[in-house]
Amino acid sequence: MTTKLDTLTDGLLNEMKDLYSAEHQLLKALPKMERKATNQKLKEAFRAHLLETERQVARLDDIGQLLREKLSGKPCKAMQGLLEEGDEVMAEESENKALLD
């Protein structure tokens, strides 16, 4: 599906919707990644990233309100692909926990 972009505003909104989707996908994925990790520093990094992602979503919500636009509704396919790859890695098994982390 292609989006018709006529103005700079159209382009801005298109990119903002993509970012909004990506950040929301991360909100769901990061807790799963933290649970799967065995290294404490990695777990802390996932927790820190989750807090930053929450702040990013709040910023995007604020921008959407300023623009009077709903930013949801456009899936970020790039983030979907990255998270699918991550799911594959998390599904693998090994005795070597550092390898999986």
N, C-alpha and C. Protein backbone atom coordinates (compact mmCIF):
# COMPACT_ATOMS: atom_id res chain seq x y z
N MET A 1 0.84 -1.17 0.00
CA MET A 1 0.00 0.00 0.00
C MET A 1 0.88 1.24 0.00
N THR A 2 0.66 2.12 -0.91
CA THR A 2 1.44 3.35 -0.98
C THR A 2 0.62 4.51 -0.45
N THR A 3 1.32 5.50 0.05
CA THR A 3 0.69 6.70 0.58
C THR A 3 0.98 7.84 -0.36
N LYS A 4 -0.06 8.60 -0.71
CA LYS A 4 0.13 9.75 -1.57
C LYS A 4 0.59 10.93 -0.73
N LEU A 5 1.75 11.45 -1.08
CA LEU A 5 2.32 12.57 -0.36
C LEU A 5 2.34 13.78 -1.28
N ASP A 6 1.58 14.79 -0.94
CA ASP A 6 1.52 16.00 -1.76
C ASP A 6 2.27 17.18 -1.15
N THR A 7 2.34 17.19 0.18
CA THR A 7 2.93 18.35 0.85
C THR A 7 3.99 17.88 1.86
N LEU A 8 4.76 18.83 2.34
CA LEU A 8 5.73 18.52 3.39
C LEU A 8 5.01 18.02 4.64
N THR A 9 3.85 18.56 4.91
CA THR A 9 3.06 18.10 6.06
C THR A 9 2.68 16.63 5.89
N ASP A 10 2.30 16.23 4.68
CA ASP A 10 1.99 14.82 4.41
C ASP A 10 3.20 13.95 4.72
N GLY A 11 4.37 14.39 4.29
CA GLY A 11 5.59 13.63 4.53
C GLY A 11 5.92 13.55 6.00
N LEU A 12 5.77 14.67 6.71
CA LEU A 12 6.01 14.70 8.14
C LEU A 12 5.09 13.72 8.86
N LEU A 13 3.80 13.80 8.57
CA LEU A 13 2.84 12.92 9.24
C LEU A 13 3.10 11.46 8.93
N ASN A 14 3.46 11.17 7.71
CA ASN A 14 3.77 9.80 7.32
C ASN A 14 4.93 9.25 8.14
N GLU A 15 5.98 10.03 8.30
CA GLU A 15 7.13 9.60 9.08
C GLU A 15 6.81 9.53 10.57
N MET A 16 6.02 10.46 11.07
CA MET A 16 5.64 10.45 12.48
C MET A 16 4.82 9.19 12.81
N LYS A 17 3.94 8.80 11.90
CA LYS A 17 3.15 7.59 12.11
C LYS A 17 4.03 6.35 12.10
N ASP A 18 5.03 6.34 11.24
CA ASP A 18 5.97 5.22 11.20
C ASP A 18 6.74 5.13 12.52
N LEU A 19 7.23 6.26 13.00
CA LEU A 19 7.95 6.29 14.28
C LEU A 19 7.05 5.86 15.44
N TYR A 20 5.83 6.32 15.42
CA TYR A 20 4.88 5.98 16.48
C TYR A 20 4.67 4.48 16.54
N SER A 21 4.51 3.87 15.39
CA SER A 21 4.34 2.42 15.33
C SER A 21 5.58 1.71 15.83
N ALA A 22 6.74 2.15 15.39
CA ALA A 22 7.99 1.51 15.80
C ALA A 22 8.15 1.57 17.32
N GLU A 23 7.90 2.72 17.90
CA GLU A 23 8.06 2.87 19.35
C GLU A 23 7.06 2.01 20.11
N HIS A 24 5.82 1.93 19.62
CA HIS A 24 4.83 1.08 20.29
C HIS A 24 5.19 -0.40 20.19
N GLN A 25 5.74 -0.80 19.07
CA GLN A 25 6.18 -2.18 18.94
C GLN A 25 7.29 -2.49 19.94
N LEU A 26 8.19 -1.52 20.13
CA LEU A 26 9.27 -1.70 21.10
C LEU A 26 8.75 -1.78 22.53
N LEU A 27 7.69 -1.02 22.82
CA LEU A 27 7.11 -1.08 24.17
C LEU A 27 6.68 -2.50 24.52
N LYS A 28 6.21 -3.23 23.53
CA LYS A 28 5.78 -4.61 23.76
C LYS A 28 6.96 -5.58 23.78
N ALA A 29 7.96 -5.31 22.96
CA ALA A 29 9.07 -6.26 22.80
C ALA A 29 10.11 -6.18 23.90
N LEU A 30 10.41 -5.00 24.39
CA LEU A 30 11.51 -4.86 25.35
C LEU A 30 11.30 -5.65 26.65
N PRO A 31 10.10 -5.68 27.21
CA PRO A 31 9.93 -6.52 28.41
C PRO A 31 10.19 -8.01 28.14
N LYS A 32 9.78 -8.49 26.98
CA LYS A 32 10.07 -9.89 26.63
C LYS A 32 11.57 -10.12 26.51
N MET A 33 12.25 -9.17 25.93
CA MET A 33 13.70 -9.29 25.77
C MET A 33 14.39 -9.27 27.13
N GLU A 34 13.90 -8.42 28.02
CA GLU A 34 14.48 -8.37 29.37
C GLU A 34 14.28 -9.70 30.10
N ARG A 35 13.09 -10.26 29.99
CA ARG A 35 12.82 -11.55 30.66
C ARG A 35 13.71 -12.66 30.12
N LYS A 36 13.99 -12.64 28.83
CA LYS A 36 14.78 -13.70 28.20
C LYS A 36 16.27 -13.57 28.51
N ALA A 37 16.73 -12.35 28.74
CA ALA A 37 18.16 -12.12 29.00
C ALA A 37 18.58 -12.75 30.32
N THR A 38 19.83 -13.21 30.35
CA THR A 38 20.36 -13.77 31.60
C THR A 38 21.40 -12.85 32.24
N ASN A 39 22.02 -12.01 31.47
CA ASN A 39 23.04 -11.10 31.97
C ASN A 39 22.37 -9.89 32.62
N GLN A 40 22.76 -9.58 33.85
CA GLN A 40 22.12 -8.50 34.60
C GLN A 40 22.29 -7.15 33.92
N LYS A 41 23.46 -6.88 33.37
CA LYS A 41 23.68 -5.59 32.70
C LYS A 41 22.82 -5.47 31.44
N LEU A 42 22.62 -6.58 30.75
CA LEU A 42 21.75 -6.56 29.58
C LEU A 42 20.30 -6.32 30.00
N LYS A 43 19.89 -6.97 31.08
CA LYS A 43 18.54 -6.73 31.60
C LYS A 43 18.34 -5.25 31.94
N GLU A 44 19.33 -4.66 32.59
CA GLU A 44 19.26 -3.24 32.95
C GLU A 44 19.21 -2.36 31.70
N ALA A 45 19.95 -2.73 30.68
CA ALA A 45 19.94 -1.96 29.42
C ALA A 45 18.56 -2.02 28.78
N PHE A 46 17.94 -3.19 28.79
CA PHE A 46 16.58 -3.30 28.24
C PHE A 46 15.60 -2.45 29.05
N ARG A 47 15.74 -2.45 30.38
CA ARG A 47 14.88 -1.64 31.24
C ARG A 47 15.07 -0.16 30.93
N ALA A 48 16.31 0.27 30.80
CA ALA A 48 16.61 1.67 30.49
C ALA A 48 16.05 2.05 29.12
N HIS A 49 16.19 1.15 28.17
CA HIS A 49 15.66 1.41 26.83
C HIS A 49 14.14 1.52 26.88
N LEU A 50 13.50 0.71 27.70
CA LEU A 50 12.04 0.78 27.83
C LEU A 50 11.62 2.14 28.36
N LEU A 51 12.33 2.65 29.37
CA LEU A 51 12.00 3.97 29.91
C LEU A 51 12.16 5.06 28.85
N GLU A 52 13.23 4.97 28.08
CA GLU A 52 13.44 5.94 27.00
C GLU A 52 12.36 5.83 25.94
N THR A 53 11.96 4.62 25.63
CA THR A 53 10.91 4.41 24.64
C THR A 53 9.59 4.98 25.14
N GLU A 54 9.30 4.81 26.42
CA GLU A 54 8.08 5.41 26.99
C GLU A 54 8.10 6.92 26.85
N ARG A 55 9.28 7.52 27.08
CA ARG A 55 9.40 8.98 26.91
C ARG A 55 9.22 9.38 25.45
N GLN A 56 9.75 8.58 24.55
CA GLN A 56 9.60 8.87 23.12
C GLN A 56 8.12 8.83 22.71
N VAL A 57 7.39 7.83 23.20
CA VAL A 57 5.97 7.73 22.88
C VAL A 57 5.22 8.94 23.43
N ALA A 58 5.56 9.37 24.64
CA ALA A 58 4.92 10.55 25.21
C ALA A 58 5.20 11.79 24.36
N ARG A 59 6.43 11.92 23.89
CA ARG A 59 6.78 13.05 23.01
C ARG A 59 5.98 12.99 21.71
N LEU A 60 5.89 11.80 21.14
CA LEU A 60 5.13 11.66 19.90
C LEU A 60 3.65 11.95 20.13
N ASP A 61 3.11 11.54 21.27
CA ASP A 61 1.71 11.87 21.60
C ASP A 61 1.54 13.38 21.67
N ASP A 62 2.49 14.06 22.31
CA ASP A 62 2.43 15.52 22.40
C ASP A 62 2.46 16.15 21.01
N ILE A 63 3.32 15.65 20.15
CA ILE A 63 3.42 16.19 18.79
C ILE A 63 2.12 15.96 18.03
N GLY A 64 1.55 14.76 18.18
CA GLY A 64 0.27 14.47 17.52
C GLY A 64 -0.81 15.44 17.97
N GLN A 65 -0.84 15.74 19.27
CA GLN A 65 -1.83 16.68 19.78
C GLN A 65 -1.59 18.08 19.21
N LEU A 66 -0.33 18.49 19.15
CA LEU A 66 -0.02 19.81 18.59
C LEU A 66 -0.45 19.91 17.13
N LEU A 67 -0.24 18.82 16.40
CA LEU A 67 -0.60 18.80 14.98
C LEU A 67 -2.07 18.46 14.75
N ARG A 68 -2.75 18.10 15.83
CA ARG A 68 -4.16 17.66 15.76
C ARG A 68 -4.32 16.49 14.81
N GLU A 69 -3.40 15.53 14.96
CA GLU A 69 -3.40 14.35 14.10
C GLU A 69 -3.27 13.10 14.94
N LYS A 70 -3.94 12.04 14.50
CA LYS A 70 -3.81 10.73 15.11
C LYS A 70 -2.61 10.05 14.46
N LEU A 71 -1.64 9.63 15.26
CA LEU A 71 -0.41 9.06 14.71
C LEU A 71 -0.46 7.54 14.57
N SER A 72 -1.50 6.92 15.06
CA SER A 72 -1.57 5.46 14.95
C SER A 72 -2.13 5.06 13.59
N GLY A 73 -2.04 3.77 13.30
CA GLY A 73 -2.67 3.26 12.10
C GLY A 73 -1.74 2.88 10.96
N LYS A 74 -0.47 3.21 11.07
CA LYS A 74 0.48 2.84 10.02
C LYS A 74 1.55 1.94 10.62
N PRO A 75 1.56 0.66 10.25
CA PRO A 75 2.58 -0.23 10.83
C PRO A 75 3.98 0.05 10.29
N CYS A 76 4.95 0.06 11.18
CA CYS A 76 6.34 0.20 10.78
C CYS A 76 6.88 -1.18 10.42
N LYS A 77 7.01 -1.43 9.15
CA LYS A 77 7.44 -2.74 8.68
C LYS A 77 8.90 -3.04 9.05
N ALA A 78 9.72 -2.02 9.09
CA ALA A 78 11.13 -2.22 9.46
C ALA A 78 11.24 -2.76 10.88
N MET A 79 10.49 -2.14 11.81
CA MET A 79 10.54 -2.62 13.19
C MET A 79 9.93 -4.02 13.29
N GLN A 80 8.88 -4.28 12.55
CA GLN A 80 8.29 -5.62 12.54
C GLN A 80 9.33 -6.65 12.16
N GLY A 81 10.11 -6.36 11.11
CA GLY A 81 11.15 -7.28 10.66
C GLY A 81 12.23 -7.47 11.70
N LEU A 82 12.67 -6.39 12.32
CA LEU A 82 13.71 -6.50 13.35
C LEU A 82 13.22 -7.33 14.53
N LEU A 83 11.98 -7.12 14.93
CA LEU A 83 11.46 -7.86 16.07
C LEU A 83 11.22 -9.32 15.73
N GLU A 84 10.87 -9.60 14.50
CA GLU A 84 10.75 -11.01 14.08
C GLU A 84 12.11 -11.70 14.16
N GLU A 85 13.16 -11.01 13.72
CA GLU A 85 14.52 -11.55 13.84
C GLU A 85 14.86 -11.79 15.30
N GLY A 86 14.52 -10.84 16.15
CA GLY A 86 14.78 -10.97 17.58
C GLY A 86 14.04 -12.15 18.18
N ASP A 87 12.80 -12.36 17.75
CA ASP A 87 12.02 -13.51 18.23
C ASP A 87 12.69 -14.82 17.85
N GLU A 88 13.25 -14.87 16.65
CA GLU A 88 13.96 -16.08 16.22
C GLU A 88 15.16 -16.36 17.13
N VAL A 89 15.90 -15.32 17.45
CA VAL A 89 17.07 -15.48 18.32
C VAL A 89 16.62 -15.93 19.71
N MET A 90 15.56 -15.30 20.23
CA MET A 90 15.10 -15.64 21.58
C MET A 90 14.54 -17.06 21.64
N ALA A 91 14.14 -17.62 20.52
CA ALA A 91 13.60 -18.97 20.49
C ALA A 91 14.71 -20.03 20.46
N GLU A 92 15.93 -19.61 20.15
CA GLU A 92 17.03 -20.57 20.09
C GLU A 92 17.44 -21.01 21.49
N GLU A 93 18.02 -22.17 21.55
CA GLU A 93 18.45 -22.72 22.83
C GLU A 93 19.94 -23.01 22.78
N SER A 94 20.57 -22.86 23.94
CA SER A 94 22.00 -23.16 24.06
C SER A 94 22.34 -23.28 25.53
N GLU A 95 23.33 -24.07 25.80
CA GLU A 95 23.87 -24.15 27.15
C GLU A 95 24.67 -22.89 27.49
N ASN A 96 25.16 -22.23 26.44
CA ASN A 96 25.98 -21.04 26.60
C ASN A 96 25.05 -19.80 26.65
N LYS A 97 24.70 -19.37 27.84
CA LYS A 97 23.77 -18.24 28.01
C LYS A 97 24.33 -16.95 27.44
N ALA A 98 25.63 -16.74 27.53
CA ALA A 98 26.24 -15.53 26.98
C ALA A 98 26.05 -15.48 25.46
N LEU A 99 26.07 -16.63 24.84
CA LEU A 99 25.86 -16.68 23.39
C LEU A 99 24.46 -16.20 23.04
N LEU A 100 23.48 -16.61 23.81
CA LEU A 100 22.11 -16.20 23.55
C LEU A 100 21.89 -14.73 23.89
N ASP A 101 22.53 -14.24 24.96
CA ASP A 101 22.40 -12.84 25.31
C ASP A 101 23.00 -11.97 24.22
